[in-house]
Amino acid sequence: MKPGGQPDMQQLMKQAQKMQAQLMQAQEELAKTEVQGTAGGGLVTATVSGSGEVLSIKIDPKAVDADDVESLEDLVVAAIRDAARAAQELASQTMGPLTGGLGGGLGLPGM
C-alpha cells in the first residue's frame, strides 16, 4: 500500500495479470488432460478431457445385446457422467488454488 492507505494500482494490475496467465495455463493443461469414467464394471468406458469434452467411448462386446439396447444406452450415459465427475474433480483441484474462493468454481456446461 502507498502512504495514506491507498492500494498501489500498478502492483494490483501486475498481480491480476499474473493470475490471469496462471488461469490460462491451468485451463490449457485441463484441456490436454484425459480422465476416464466407467459403468457396468468396465463394460463401457468414456474418456473425457479435463475441460469436459467427450473424447471417446469404448464398449466391451459383452455389453452389446440386440434385445436390450436400452441397458447399453444407460451404461453409456453412466460412463459419461462418471467421466464428467472425474473431470469436474480435476478442474476443482487444478483451478481451486488459483481462484482462492473467488467464486471461480468451474461449471462444466451440460455436465
PDB file of N, CA and C in Angstrom:
ATOM      1  N   MET A   1       0.835  -1.183   0.000  1.00  0.00           N
ATOM      2  CA  MET A   1       0.000   0.000   0.000  1.00  0.00           C
ATOM      3  C   MET A   1       0.876   1.242   0.000  1.00  0.00           C
ATOM      4  N   LYS A   2       0.341   2.238  -0.644  1.00  0.00           N
ATOM      5  CA  LYS A   2       1.015   3.535  -0.653  1.00  0.00           C
ATOM      6  C   LYS A   2       0.714   4.245   0.663  1.00  0.00           C
ATOM      7  N   PRO A   3       1.516   5.259   0.973  1.00  0.00           N
ATOM      8  CA  PRO A   3       1.214   6.058   2.175  1.00  0.00           C
ATOM      9  C   PRO A   3      -0.210   6.587   2.098  1.00  0.00           C
ATOM     10  N   GLY A   4      -0.876   6.612   3.228  1.00  0.00           N
ATOM     11  CA  GLY A   4      -2.251   7.097   3.267  1.00  0.00           C
ATOM     12  C   GLY A   4      -3.253   5.964   3.073  1.00  0.00           C
ATOM     13  N   GLY A   5      -2.775   4.715   2.994  1.00  0.00           N
ATOM     14  CA  GLY A   5      -3.679   3.570   2.895  1.00  0.00           C
ATOM     15  C   GLY A   5      -4.221   3.289   1.507  1.00  0.00           C
ATOM     16  N   GLN A   6      -3.708   3.944   0.472  1.00  0.00           N
ATOM     17  CA  GLN A   6      -4.188   3.725  -0.884  1.00  0.00           C
ATOM     18  C   GLN A   6      -3.468   2.520  -1.507  1.00  0.00           C
ATOM     19  N   PRO A   7      -4.205   1.633  -2.154  1.00  0.00           N
ATOM     20  CA  PRO A   7      -3.548   0.486  -2.796  1.00  0.00           C
ATOM     21  C   PRO A   7      -2.710   0.940  -3.989  1.00  0.00           C
ATOM     22  N   ASP A   8      -1.631   0.236  -4.236  1.00  0.00           N
ATOM     23  CA  ASP A   8      -0.757   0.510  -5.368  1.00  0.00           C
ATOM     24  C   ASP A   8      -1.391  -0.133  -6.602  1.00  0.00           C
ATOM     25  N   MET A   9      -1.989   0.676  -7.454  1.00  0.00           N
ATOM     26  CA  MET A   9      -2.730   0.162  -8.615  1.00  0.00           C
ATOM     27  C   MET A   9      -1.817  -0.585  -9.585  1.00  0.00           C
ATOM     28  N   GLN A  10      -0.603  -0.137  -9.732  1.00  0.00           N
ATOM     29  CA  GLN A  10       0.328  -0.809 -10.638  1.00  0.00           C
ATOM     30  C   GLN A  10       0.620  -2.226 -10.117  1.00  0.00           C
ATOM     31  N   GLN A  11       0.821  -2.344  -8.814  1.00  0.00           N
ATOM     32  CA  GLN A  11       1.091  -3.649  -8.210  1.00  0.00           C
ATOM     33  C   GLN A  11      -0.139  -4.553  -8.352  1.00  0.00           C
ATOM     34  N   LEU A  12      -1.328  -4.003  -8.143  1.00  0.00           N
ATOM     35  CA  LEU A  12      -2.562  -4.780  -8.294  1.00  0.00           C
ATOM     36  C   LEU A  12      -2.729  -5.274  -9.729  1.00  0.00           C
ATOM     37  N   MET A  13      -2.400  -4.427 -10.695  1.00  0.00           N
ATOM     38  CA  MET A  13      -2.511  -4.816 -12.103  1.00  0.00           C
ATOM     39  C   MET A  13      -1.532  -5.940 -12.427  1.00  0.00           C
ATOM     40  N   LYS A  14      -0.312  -5.873 -11.902  1.00  0.00           N
ATOM     41  CA  LYS A  14       0.675  -6.923 -12.121  1.00  0.00           C
ATOM     42  C   LYS A  14       0.191  -8.242 -11.537  1.00  0.00           C
ATOM     43  N   GLN A  15      -0.387  -8.186 -10.347  1.00  0.00           N
ATOM     44  CA  GLN A  15      -0.911  -9.392  -9.705  1.00  0.00           C
ATOM     45  C   GLN A  15      -2.066  -9.974 -10.525  1.00  0.00           C
ATOM     46  N   ALA A  16      -2.945  -9.121 -11.024  1.00  0.00           N
ATOM     47  CA  ALA A  16      -4.079  -9.575 -11.824  1.00  0.00           C
ATOM     48  C   ALA A  16      -3.598 -10.216 -13.122  1.00  0.00           C
ATOM     49  N   GLN A  17      -2.606  -9.624 -13.757  1.00  0.00           N
ATOM     50  CA  GLN A  17      -2.065 -10.189 -14.998  1.00  0.00           C
ATOM     51  C   GLN A  17      -1.405 -11.535 -14.738  1.00  0.00           C
ATOM     52  N   LYS A  18      -0.695 -11.652 -13.632  1.00  0.00           N
ATOM     53  CA  LYS A  18      -0.045 -12.917 -13.279  1.00  0.00           C
ATOM     54  C   LYS A  18      -1.097 -13.997 -13.032  1.00  0.00           C
ATOM     55  N   MET A  19      -2.147 -13.649 -12.306  1.00  0.00           N
ATOM     56  CA  MET A  19      -3.223 -14.605 -12.026  1.00  0.00           C
ATOM     57  C   MET A  19      -3.910 -15.030 -13.322  1.00  0.00           C
ATOM     58  N   GLN A  20      -4.153 -14.092 -14.211  1.00  0.00           N
ATOM     59  CA  GLN A  20      -4.791 -14.407 -15.483  1.00  0.00           C
ATOM     60  C   GLN A  20      -3.924 -15.377 -16.283  1.00  0.00           C
ATOM     61  N   ALA A  21      -2.635 -15.164 -16.315  1.00  0.00           N
ATOM     62  CA  ALA A  21      -1.724 -16.056 -17.037  1.00  0.00           C
ATOM     63  C   ALA A  21      -1.739 -17.449 -16.415  1.00  0.00           C
ATOM     64  N   GLN A  22      -1.767 -17.528 -15.086  1.00  0.00           N
ATOM     65  CA  GLN A  22      -1.815 -18.825 -14.411  1.00  0.00           C
ATOM     66  C   GLN A  22      -3.122 -19.552 -14.707  1.00  0.00           C
ATOM     67  N   LEU A  23      -4.224 -18.817 -14.725  1.00  0.00           N
ATOM     68  CA  LEU A  23      -5.525 -19.418 -15.033  1.00  0.00           C
ATOM     69  C   LEU A  23      -5.560 -19.948 -16.465  1.00  0.00           C
ATOM     70  N   MET A  24      -5.021 -19.172 -17.394  1.00  0.00           N
ATOM     71  CA  MET A  24      -4.999 -19.611 -18.788  1.00  0.00           C
ATOM     72  C   MET A  24      -4.157 -20.871 -18.943  1.00  0.00           C
ATOM     73  N   GLN A  25      -3.019 -20.903 -18.258  1.00  0.00           N
ATOM     74  CA  GLN A  25      -2.148 -22.075 -18.319  1.00  0.00           C
ATOM     75  C   GLN A  25      -2.865 -23.294 -17.722  1.00  0.00           C
ATOM     76  N   ALA A  26      -3.558 -23.113 -16.619  1.00  0.00           N
ATOM     77  CA  ALA A  26      -4.289 -24.212 -15.987  1.00  0.00           C
ATOM     78  C   ALA A  26      -5.404 -24.709 -16.901  1.00  0.00           C
ATOM     79  N   GLN A  27      -6.114 -23.801 -17.569  1.00  0.00           N
ATOM     80  CA  GLN A  27      -7.176 -24.193 -18.491  1.00  0.00           C
ATOM     81  C   GLN A  27      -6.613 -24.976 -19.670  1.00  0.00           C
ATOM     82  N   GLU A  28      -5.471 -24.553 -20.187  1.00  0.00           N
ATOM     83  CA  GLU A  28      -4.828 -25.281 -21.288  1.00  0.00           C
ATOM     84  C   GLU A  28      -4.425 -26.676 -20.842  1.00  0.00           C
ATOM     85  N   GLU A  29      -3.905 -26.767 -19.635  1.00  0.00           N
ATOM     86  CA  GLU A  29      -3.485 -28.062 -19.087  1.00  0.00           C
ATOM     87  C   GLU A  29      -4.699 -28.976 -18.919  1.00  0.00           C
ATOM     88  N   LEU A  30      -5.807 -28.422 -18.430  1.00  0.00           N
ATOM     89  CA  LEU A  30      -7.028 -29.211 -18.282  1.00  0.00           C
ATOM     90  C   LEU A  30      -7.498 -29.753 -19.629  1.00  0.00           C
ATOM     91  N   ALA A  31      -7.447 -28.914 -20.652  1.00  0.00           N
ATOM     92  CA  ALA A  31      -7.912 -29.332 -21.981  1.00  0.00           C
ATOM     93  C   ALA A  31      -7.068 -30.481 -22.526  1.00  0.00           C
ATOM     94  N   LYS A  32      -5.794 -30.559 -22.133  1.00  0.00           N
ATOM     95  CA  LYS A  32      -4.903 -31.617 -22.609  1.00  0.00           C
ATOM     96  C   LYS A  32      -5.021 -32.905 -21.801  1.00  0.00           C
ATOM     97  N   THR A  33      -5.531 -32.804 -20.584  1.00  0.00           N
ATOM     98  CA  THR A  33      -5.590 -33.950 -19.681  1.00  0.00           C
ATOM     99  C   THR A  33      -6.834 -34.786 -19.977  1.00  0.00           C
ATOM    100  N   GLU A  34      -6.671 -36.100 -19.929  1.00  0.00           N
ATOM    101  CA  GLU A  34      -7.790 -37.006 -20.156  1.00  0.00           C
ATOM    102  C   GLU A  34      -8.117 -37.746 -18.863  1.00  0.00           C
ATOM    103  N   VAL A  35      -9.415 -37.897 -18.606  1.00  0.00           N
ATOM    104  CA  VAL A  35      -9.892 -38.696 -17.476  1.00  0.00           C
ATOM    105  C   VAL A  35     -10.887 -39.703 -18.007  1.00  0.00           C
ATOM    106  N   GLN A  36     -11.068 -40.789 -17.261  1.00  0.00           N
ATOM    107  CA  GLN A  36     -11.996 -41.823 -17.706  1.00  0.00           C
ATOM    108  C   GLN A  36     -13.069 -42.064 -16.671  1.00  0.00           C
ATOM    109  N   GLY A  37     -14.203 -42.507 -17.168  1.00  0.00           N
ATOM    110  CA  GLY A  37     -15.298 -42.953 -16.325  1.00  0.00           C
ATOM    111  C   GLY A  37     -15.769 -44.286 -16.859  1.00  0.00           C
ATOM    112  N   THR A  38     -16.267 -45.122 -15.960  1.00  0.00           N
ATOM    113  CA  THR A  38     -16.723 -46.449 -16.388  1.00  0.00           C
ATOM    114  C   THR A  38     -18.109 -46.738 -15.847  1.00  0.00           C
ATOM    115  N   ALA A  39     -18.726 -47.741 -16.443  1.00  0.00           N
ATOM    116  CA  ALA A  39     -20.021 -48.220 -15.977  1.00  0.00           C
ATOM    117  C   ALA A  39     -20.107 -49.711 -16.289  1.00  0.00           C
ATOM    118  N   GLY A  40     -20.967 -50.379 -15.543  1.00  0.00           N
ATOM    119  CA  GLY A  40     -21.172 -51.802 -15.782  1.00  0.00           C
ATOM    120  C   GLY A  40     -19.932 -52.624 -15.497  1.00  0.00           C
ATOM    121  N   GLY A  41     -19.177 -52.229 -14.484  1.00  0.00           N
ATOM    122  CA  GLY A  41     -17.977 -52.975 -14.147  1.00  0.00           C
ATOM    123  C   GLY A  41     -16.932 -52.940 -15.246  1.00  0.00           C
ATOM    124  N   GLY A  42     -16.902 -51.845 -15.993  1.00  0.00           N
ATOM    125  CA  GLY A  42     -15.907 -51.688 -17.049  1.00  0.00           C
ATOM    126  C   GLY A  42     -16.410 -52.078 -18.431  1.00  0.00           C
ATOM    127  N   LEU A  43     -17.701 -52.416 -18.555  1.00  0.00           N
ATOM    128  CA  LEU A  43     -18.245 -52.754 -19.870  1.00  0.00           C
ATOM    129  C   LEU A  43     -18.248 -51.553 -20.802  1.00  0.00           C
ATOM    130  N   VAL A  44     -18.417 -50.360 -20.224  1.00  0.00           N
ATOM    131  CA  VAL A  44     -18.395 -49.129 -21.018  1.00  0.00           C
ATOM    132  C   VAL A  44     -17.430 -48.156 -20.343  1.00  0.00           C
ATOM    133  N   THR A  45     -16.538 -47.584 -21.149  1.00  0.00           N
ATOM    134  CA  THR A  45     -15.575 -46.609 -20.658  1.00  0.00           C
ATOM    135  C   THR A  45     -15.673 -45.346 -21.502  1.00  0.00           C
ATOM    136  N   ALA A  46     -15.818 -44.213 -20.830  1.00  0.00           N
ATOM    137  CA  ALA A  46     -15.856 -42.918 -21.509  1.00  0.00           C
ATOM    138  C   ALA A  46     -14.573 -42.169 -21.164  1.00  0.00           C
ATOM    139  N   THR A  47     -13.960 -41.562 -22.167  1.00  0.00           N
ATOM    140  CA  THR A  47     -12.789 -40.724 -21.957  1.00  0.00           C
ATOM    141  C   THR A  47     -13.198 -39.284 -22.244  1.00  0.00           C
ATOM    142  N   VAL A  48     -12.876 -38.407 -21.288  1.00  0.00           N
ATOM    143  CA  VAL A  48     -13.272 -37.003 -21.346  1.00  0.00           C
ATOM    144  C   VAL A  48     -12.038 -36.152 -21.064  1.00  0.00           C
ATOM    145  N   SER A  49     -11.951 -35.007 -21.731  1.00  0.00           N
ATOM    146  CA  SER A  49     -10.857 -34.086 -21.416  1.00  0.00           C
ATOM    147  C   SER A  49     -11.135 -33.446 -20.064  1.00  0.00           C
ATOM    148  N   GLY A  50     -10.096 -32.908 -19.462  1.00  0.00           N
ATOM    149  CA  GLY A  50     -10.258 -32.233 -18.186  1.00  0.00           C
ATOM    150  C   GLY A  50     -11.187 -31.038 -18.264  1.00  0.00           C
ATOM    151  N   SER A  51     -11.404 -30.523 -19.474  1.00  0.00           N
ATOM    152  CA  SER A  51     -12.324 -29.405 -19.642  1.00  0.00           C
ATOM    153  C   SER A  51     -13.741 -29.872 -19.950  1.00  0.00           C
ATOM    154  N   GLY A  52     -13.962 -31.206 -19.991  1.00  0.00           N
ATOM    155  CA  GLY A  52     -15.314 -31.739 -20.123  1.00  0.00           C
ATOM    156  C   GLY A  52     -15.712 -32.224 -21.500  1.00  0.00           C
ATOM    157  N   GLU A  53     -14.828 -32.170 -22.471  1.00  0.00           N
ATOM    158  CA  GLU A  53     -15.160 -32.607 -23.826  1.00  0.00           C
ATOM    159  C   GLU A  53     -15.079 -34.133 -23.909  1.00  0.00           C
ATOM    160  N   VAL A  54     -16.156 -34.787 -24.395  1.00  0.00           N
ATOM    161  CA  VAL A  54     -16.156 -36.234 -24.560  1.00  0.00           C
ATOM    162  C   VAL A  54     -15.235 -36.565 -25.734  1.00  0.00           C
ATOM    163  N   LEU A  55     -14.222 -37.405 -25.463  1.00  0.00           N
ATOM    164  CA  LEU A  55     -13.223 -37.742 -26.475  1.00  0.00           C
ATOM    165  C   LEU A  55     -13.475 -39.101 -27.106  1.00  0.00           C
ATOM    166  N   SER A  56     -13.913 -40.079 -26.308  1.00  0.00           N
ATOM    167  CA  SER A  56     -14.161 -41.407 -26.870  1.00  0.00           C
ATOM    168  C   SER A  56     -15.043 -42.230 -25.940  1.00  0.00           C
ATOM    169  N   ILE A  57     -15.634 -43.256 -26.532  1.00  0.00           N
ATOM    170  CA  ILE A  57     -16.437 -44.246 -25.810  1.00  0.00           C
ATOM    171  C   ILE A  57     -15.938 -45.611 -26.241  1.00  0.00           C
ATOM    172  N   LYS A  58     -15.656 -46.472 -25.286  1.00  0.00           N
ATOM    173  CA  LYS A  58     -15.276 -47.857 -25.568  1.00  0.00           C
ATOM    174  C   LYS A  58     -16.352 -48.763 -24.993  1.00  0.00           C
ATOM    175  N   ILE A  59     -16.823 -49.721 -25.808  1.00  0.00           N
ATOM    176  CA  ILE A  59     -17.871 -50.636 -25.377  1.00  0.00           C
ATOM    177  C   ILE A  59     -17.369 -52.068 -25.539  1.00  0.00           C
ATOM    178  N   ASP A  60     -17.363 -52.803 -24.441  1.00  0.00           N
ATOM    179  CA  ASP A  60     -16.993 -54.213 -24.477  1.00  0.00           C
ATOM    180  C   ASP A  60     -18.083 -54.958 -25.249  1.00  0.00           C
ATOM    181  N   PRO A  61     -17.716 -55.814 -26.171  1.00  0.00           N
ATOM    182  CA  PRO A  61     -18.716 -56.556 -26.947  1.00  0.00           C
ATOM    183  C   PRO A  61     -19.721 -57.318 -26.080  1.00  0.00           C
ATOM    184  N   LYS A  62     -19.334 -57.685 -24.859  1.00  0.00           N
ATOM    185  CA  LYS A  62     -20.260 -58.385 -23.962  1.00  0.00           C
ATOM    186  C   LYS A  62     -21.446 -57.497 -23.571  1.00  0.00           C
ATOM    187  N   ALA A  63     -21.295 -56.194 -23.715  1.00  0.00           N
ATOM    188  CA  ALA A  63     -22.371 -55.271 -23.341  1.00  0.00           C
ATOM    189  C   ALA A  63     -23.406 -55.123 -24.439  1.00  0.00           C
ATOM    190  N   VAL A  64     -23.101 -55.639 -25.625  1.00  0.00           N
ATOM    191  CA  VAL A  64     -23.995 -55.463 -26.769  1.00  0.00           C
ATOM    192  C   VAL A  64     -24.992 -56.613 -26.828  1.00  0.00           C
ATOM    193  N   ASP A  65     -26.267 -56.273 -26.674  1.00  0.00           N
ATOM    194  CA  ASP A  65     -27.367 -57.244 -26.751  1.00  0.00           C
ATOM    195  C   ASP A  65     -28.476 -56.600 -27.570  1.00  0.00           C
ATOM    196  N   ALA A  66     -28.687 -57.115 -28.752  1.00  0.00           N
ATOM    197  CA  ALA A  66     -29.687 -56.533 -29.656  1.00  0.00           C
ATOM    198  C   ALA A  66     -31.081 -56.499 -29.026  1.00  0.00           C
ATOM    199  N   ASP A  67     -31.340 -57.379 -28.084  1.00  0.00           N
ATOM    200  CA  ASP A  67     -32.653 -57.409 -27.430  1.00  0.00           C
ATOM    201  C   ASP A  67     -32.737 -56.461 -26.235  1.00  0.00           C
ATOM    202  N   ASP A  68     -31.625 -55.826 -25.868  1.00  0.00           N
ATOM    203  CA  ASP A  68     -31.610 -54.939 -24.711  1.00  0.00           C
ATOM    204  C   ASP A  68     -30.719 -53.722 -24.961  1.00  0.00           C
ATOM    205  N   VAL A  69     -31.051 -52.973 -25.993  1.00  0.00           N
ATOM    206  CA  VAL A  69     -30.290 -51.779 -26.344  1.00  0.00           C
ATOM    207  C   VAL A  69     -30.394 -50.725 -25.244  1.00  0.00           C
ATOM    208  N   GLU A  70     -31.518 -50.662 -24.560  1.00  0.00           N
ATOM    209  CA  GLU A  70     -31.730 -49.652 -23.521  1.00  0.00           C
ATOM    210  C   GLU A  70     -30.693 -49.766 -22.397  1.00  0.00           C
ATOM    211  N   SER A  71     -30.332 -50.969 -22.007  1.00  0.00           N
ATOM    212  CA  SER A  71     -29.317 -51.139 -20.958  1.00  0.00           C
ATOM    213  C   SER A  71     -27.969 -50.594 -21.409  1.00  0.00           C
ATOM    214  N   LEU A  72     -27.616 -50.845 -22.663  1.00  0.00           N
ATOM    215  CA  LEU A  72     -26.357 -50.324 -23.199  1.00  0.00           C
ATOM    216  C   LEU A  72     -26.386 -48.795 -23.216  1.00  0.00           C
ATOM    217  N   GLU A  73     -27.501 -48.224 -23.621  1.00  0.00           N
ATOM    218  CA  GLU A  73     -27.627 -46.764 -23.624  1.00  0.00           C
ATOM    219  C   GLU A  73     -27.438 -46.207 -22.211  1.00  0.00           C
ATOM    220  N   ASP A  74     -28.035 -46.880 -21.224  1.00  0.00           N
ATOM    221  CA  ASP A  74     -27.897 -46.449 -19.832  1.00  0.00           C
ATOM    222  C   ASP A  74     -26.443 -46.529 -19.372  1.00  0.00           C
ATOM    223  N   LEU A  75     -25.739 -47.593 -19.784  1.00  0.00           N
ATOM    224  CA  LEU A  75     -24.333 -47.748 -19.421  1.00  0.00           C
ATOM    225  C   LEU A  75     -23.482 -46.632 -20.030  1.00  0.00           C
ATOM    226  N   VAL A  76     -23.775 -46.259 -21.275  1.00  0.00           N
ATOM    227  CA  VAL A  76     -23.025 -45.187 -21.935  1.00  0.00           C
ATOM    228  C   VAL A  76     -23.226 -43.871 -21.186  1.00  0.00           C
ATOM    229  N   VAL A  77     -24.473 -43.568 -20.853  1.00  0.00           N
ATOM    230  CA  VAL A  77     -24.766 -42.337 -20.110  1.00  0.00           C
ATOM    231  C   VAL A  77     -24.067 -42.357 -18.752  1.00  0.00           C
ATOM    232  N   ALA A  78     -24.117 -43.487 -18.066  1.00  0.00           N
ATOM    233  CA  ALA A  78     -23.486 -43.595 -16.748  1.00  0.00           C
ATOM    234  C   ALA A  78     -21.975 -43.418 -16.846  1.00  0.00           C
ATOM    235  N   ALA A  79     -21.350 -43.983 -17.872  1.00  0.00           N
ATOM    236  CA  ALA A  79     -19.901 -43.849 -18.048  1.00  0.00           C
ATOM    237  C   ALA A  79     -19.525 -42.396 -18.324  1.00  0.00           C
ATOM    238  N   ILE A  80     -20.316 -41.715 -19.142  1.00  0.00           N
ATOM    239  CA  ILE A  80     -20.044 -40.308 -19.438  1.00  0.00           C
ATOM    240  C   ILE A  80     -20.209 -39.465 -18.174  1.00  0.00           C
ATOM    241  N   ARG A  81     -21.240 -39.745 -17.392  1.00  0.00           N
ATOM    242  CA  ARG A  81     -21.426 -38.998 -16.139  1.00  0.00           C
ATOM    243  C   ARG A  81     -20.264 -39.239 -15.181  1.00  0.00           C
ATOM    244  N   ASP A  82     -19.781 -40.470 -15.118  1.00  0.00           N
ATOM    245  CA  ASP A  82     -18.657 -40.787 -14.242  1.00  0.00           C
ATOM    246  C   ASP A  82     -17.409 -40.036 -14.702  1.00  0.00           C
ATOM    247  N   ALA A  83     -17.178 -39.996 -15.996  1.00  0.00           N
ATOM    248  CA  ALA A  83     -16.026 -39.266 -16.530  1.00  0.00           C
ATOM    249  C   ALA A  83     -16.182 -37.762 -16.292  1.00  0.00           C
ATOM    250  N   ALA A  84     -17.396 -37.248 -16.454  1.00  0.00           N
ATOM    251  CA  ALA A  84     -17.638 -35.817 -16.222  1.00  0.00           C
ATOM    252  C   ALA A  84     -17.382 -35.461 -14.765  1.00  0.00           C
ATOM    253  N   ARG A  85     -17.763 -36.346 -13.856  1.00  0.00           N
ATOM    254  CA  ARG A  85     -17.498 -36.132 -12.435  1.00  0.00           C
ATOM    255  C   ARG A  85     -15.991 -36.082 -12.196  1.00  0.00           C
ATOM    256  N   ALA A  86     -15.255 -36.993 -12.815  1.00  0.00           N
ATOM    257  CA  ALA A  86     -13.797 -37.013 -12.667  1.00  0.00           C
ATOM    258  C   ALA A  86     -13.183 -35.734 -13.241  1.00  0.00           C
ATOM    259  N   ALA A  87     -13.720 -35.260 -14.365  1.00  0.00           N
ATOM    260  CA  ALA A  87     -13.222 -34.019 -14.965  1.00  0.00           C
ATOM    261  C   ALA A  87     -13.507 -32.830 -14.056  1.00  0.00           C
ATOM    262  N   GLN A  88     -14.673 -32.826 -13.430  1.00  0.00           N
ATOM    263  CA  GLN A  88     -15.026 -31.736 -12.512  1.00  0.00           C
ATOM    264  C   GLN A  88     -14.104 -31.737 -11.305  1.00  0.00           C
ATOM    265  N   GLU A  89     -13.803 -32.911 -10.774  1.00  0.00           N
ATOM    266  CA  GLU A  89     -12.878 -33.002  -9.640  1.00  0.00           C
ATOM    267  C   GLU A  89     -11.492 -32.497 -10.035  1.00  0.00           C
ATOM    268  N   LEU A  90     -11.040 -32.890 -11.218  1.00  0.00           N
ATOM    269  CA  LEU A  90      -9.747 -32.439 -11.710  1.00  0.00           C
ATOM    270  C   LEU A  90      -9.730 -30.922 -11.859  1.00  0.00           C
ATOM    271  N   ALA A  91     -10.798 -30.373 -12.418  1.00  0.00           N
ATOM    272  CA  ALA A  91     -10.876 -28.918 -12.592  1.00  0.00           C
ATOM    273  C   ALA A  91     -10.863 -28.213 -11.242  1.00  0.00           C
ATOM    274  N   SER A  92     -11.571 -28.758 -10.263  1.00  0.00           N
ATOM    275  CA  SER A  92     -11.592 -28.148  -8.930  1.00  0.00           C
ATOM    276  C   SER A  92     -10.210 -28.171  -8.295  1.00  0.00           C
ATOM    277  N   GLN A  93      -9.509 -29.299  -8.443  1.00  0.00           N
ATOM    278  CA  GLN A  93      -8.166 -29.414  -7.875  1.00  0.00           C
ATOM    279  C   GLN A  93      -7.188 -28.477  -8.582  1.00  0.00           C
ATOM    280  N   THR A  94      -7.345 -28.333  -9.891  1.00  0.00           N
ATOM    281  CA  THR A  94      -6.425 -27.519 -10.673  1.00  0.00           C
ATOM    282  C   THR A  94      -6.700 -26.033 -10.511  1.00  0.00           C
ATOM    283  N   MET A  95      -7.962 -25.654 -10.567  1.00  0.00           N
ATOM    284  CA  MET A  95      -8.318 -24.245 -10.560  1.00  0.00           C
ATOM    285  C   MET A  95      -8.535 -23.690  -9.153  1.00  0.00           C
ATOM    286  N   GLY A  96      -8.903 -24.541  -8.201  1.00  0.00           N
ATOM    287  CA  GLY A  96      -9.208 -24.089  -6.846  1.00  0.00           C
ATOM    288  C   GLY A  96      -8.126 -23.237  -6.218  1.00  0.00           C
ATOM    289  N   PRO A  97      -6.875 -23.718  -6.236  1.00  0.00           N
ATOM    290  CA  PRO A  97      -5.828 -22.900  -5.620  1.00  0.00           C
ATOM    291  C   PRO A  97      -5.630 -21.551  -6.317  1.00  0.00           C
ATOM    292  N   LEU A  98      -5.939 -21.492  -7.600  1.00  0.00           N
ATOM    293  CA  LEU A  98      -5.741 -20.241  -8.338  1.00  0.00           C
ATOM    294  C   LEU A  98      -6.869 -19.248  -8.093  1.00  0.00           C
ATOM    295  N   THR A  99      -8.092 -19.777  -7.962  1.00  0.00           N
ATOM    296  CA  THR A  99      -9.223 -18.867  -7.770  1.00  0.00           C
ATOM    297  C   THR A  99      -9.397 -18.491  -6.318  1.00  0.00           C
ATOM    298  N   GLY A 100      -8.869 -19.302  -5.416  1.00  0.00           N
ATOM    299  CA  GLY A 100      -8.837 -18.963  -3.994  1.00  0.00           C
ATOM    300  C   GLY A 100     -10.159 -18.511  -3.411  1.00  0.00           C
ATOM    301  N   GLY A 101     -11.240 -19.206  -3.761  1.00  0.00           N
ATOM    302  CA  GLY A 101     -12.533 -18.862  -3.196  1.00  0.00           C
ATOM    303  C   GLY A 101     -13.146 -17.622  -3.781  1.00  0.00           C
ATOM    304  N   LEU A 102     -12.746 -17.236  -4.985  1.00  0.00           N
ATOM    305  CA  LEU A 102     -13.317 -16.050  -5.614  1.00  0.00           C
ATOM    306  C   LEU A 102     -14.599 -16.340  -6.374  1.00  0.00           C
ATOM    307  N   GLY A 103     -15.236 -17.468  -6.053  1.00  0.00           N
ATOM    308  CA  GLY A 103     -16.420 -17.846  -6.800  1.00  0.00           C
ATOM    309  C   GLY A 103     -16.039 -18.377  -8.162  1.00  0.00           C
ATOM    310  N   GLY A 104     -14.828 -18.867  -8.274  1.00  0.00           N
ATOM    311  CA  GLY A 104     -14.335 -19.334  -9.561  1.00  0.00           C
ATOM    312  C   GLY A 104     -14.582 -20.803  -9.788  1.00  0.00           C
ATOM    313  N   GLY A 105     -15.643 -21.349  -9.197  1.00  0.00           N
ATOM    314  CA  GLY A 105     -15.968 -22.748  -9.419  1.00  0.00           C
ATOM    315  C   GLY A 105     -16.195 -22.971 -10.896  1.00  0.00           C
ATOM    316  N   LEU A 106     -15.530 -23.949 -11.454  1.00  0.00           N
ATOM    317  CA  LEU A 106     -15.632 -24.222 -12.882  1.00  0.00           C
ATOM    318  C   LEU A 106     -16.868 -25.052 -13.125  1.00  0.00           C
ATOM    319  N   GLY A 107     -17.881 -24.497 -13.702  1.00  0.00           N
ATOM    320  CA  GLY A 107     -19.031 -25.276 -14.086  1.00  0.00           C
ATOM    321  C   GLY A 107     -18.809 -25.798 -15.484  1.00  0.00           C
ATOM    322  N   LEU A 108     -18.905 -27.094 -15.657  1.00  0.00           N
ATOM    323  CA  LEU A 108     -18.766 -27.663 -16.991  1.00  0.00           C
ATOM    324  C   LEU A 108     -20.141 -27.700 -17.634  1.00  0.00           C
ATOM    325  N   PRO A 109     -20.357 -26.927 -18.666  1.00  0.00           N
ATOM    326  CA  PRO A 109     -21.683 -26.851 -19.284  1.00  0.00           C
ATOM    327  C   PRO A 109     -22.189 -28.233 -19.675  1.00  0.00           C
ATOM    328  N   GLY A 110     -23.436 -28.471 -19.366  1.00  0.00           N
ATOM    329  CA  GLY A 110     -24.080 -29.711 -19.775  1.00  0.00           C
ATOM    330  C   GLY A 110     -23.669 -30.923 -18.967  1.00  0.00           C
ATOM    331  N   MET A 111     -22.912 -30.748 -17.922  1.00  0.00           N
ATOM    332  CA  MET A 111     -22.462 -31.911 -17.140  1.00  0.00           C
ATOM    333  C   MET A 111     -23.105 -31.899 -15.789  1.00  0.00           C
TER     334      MET A 111
END
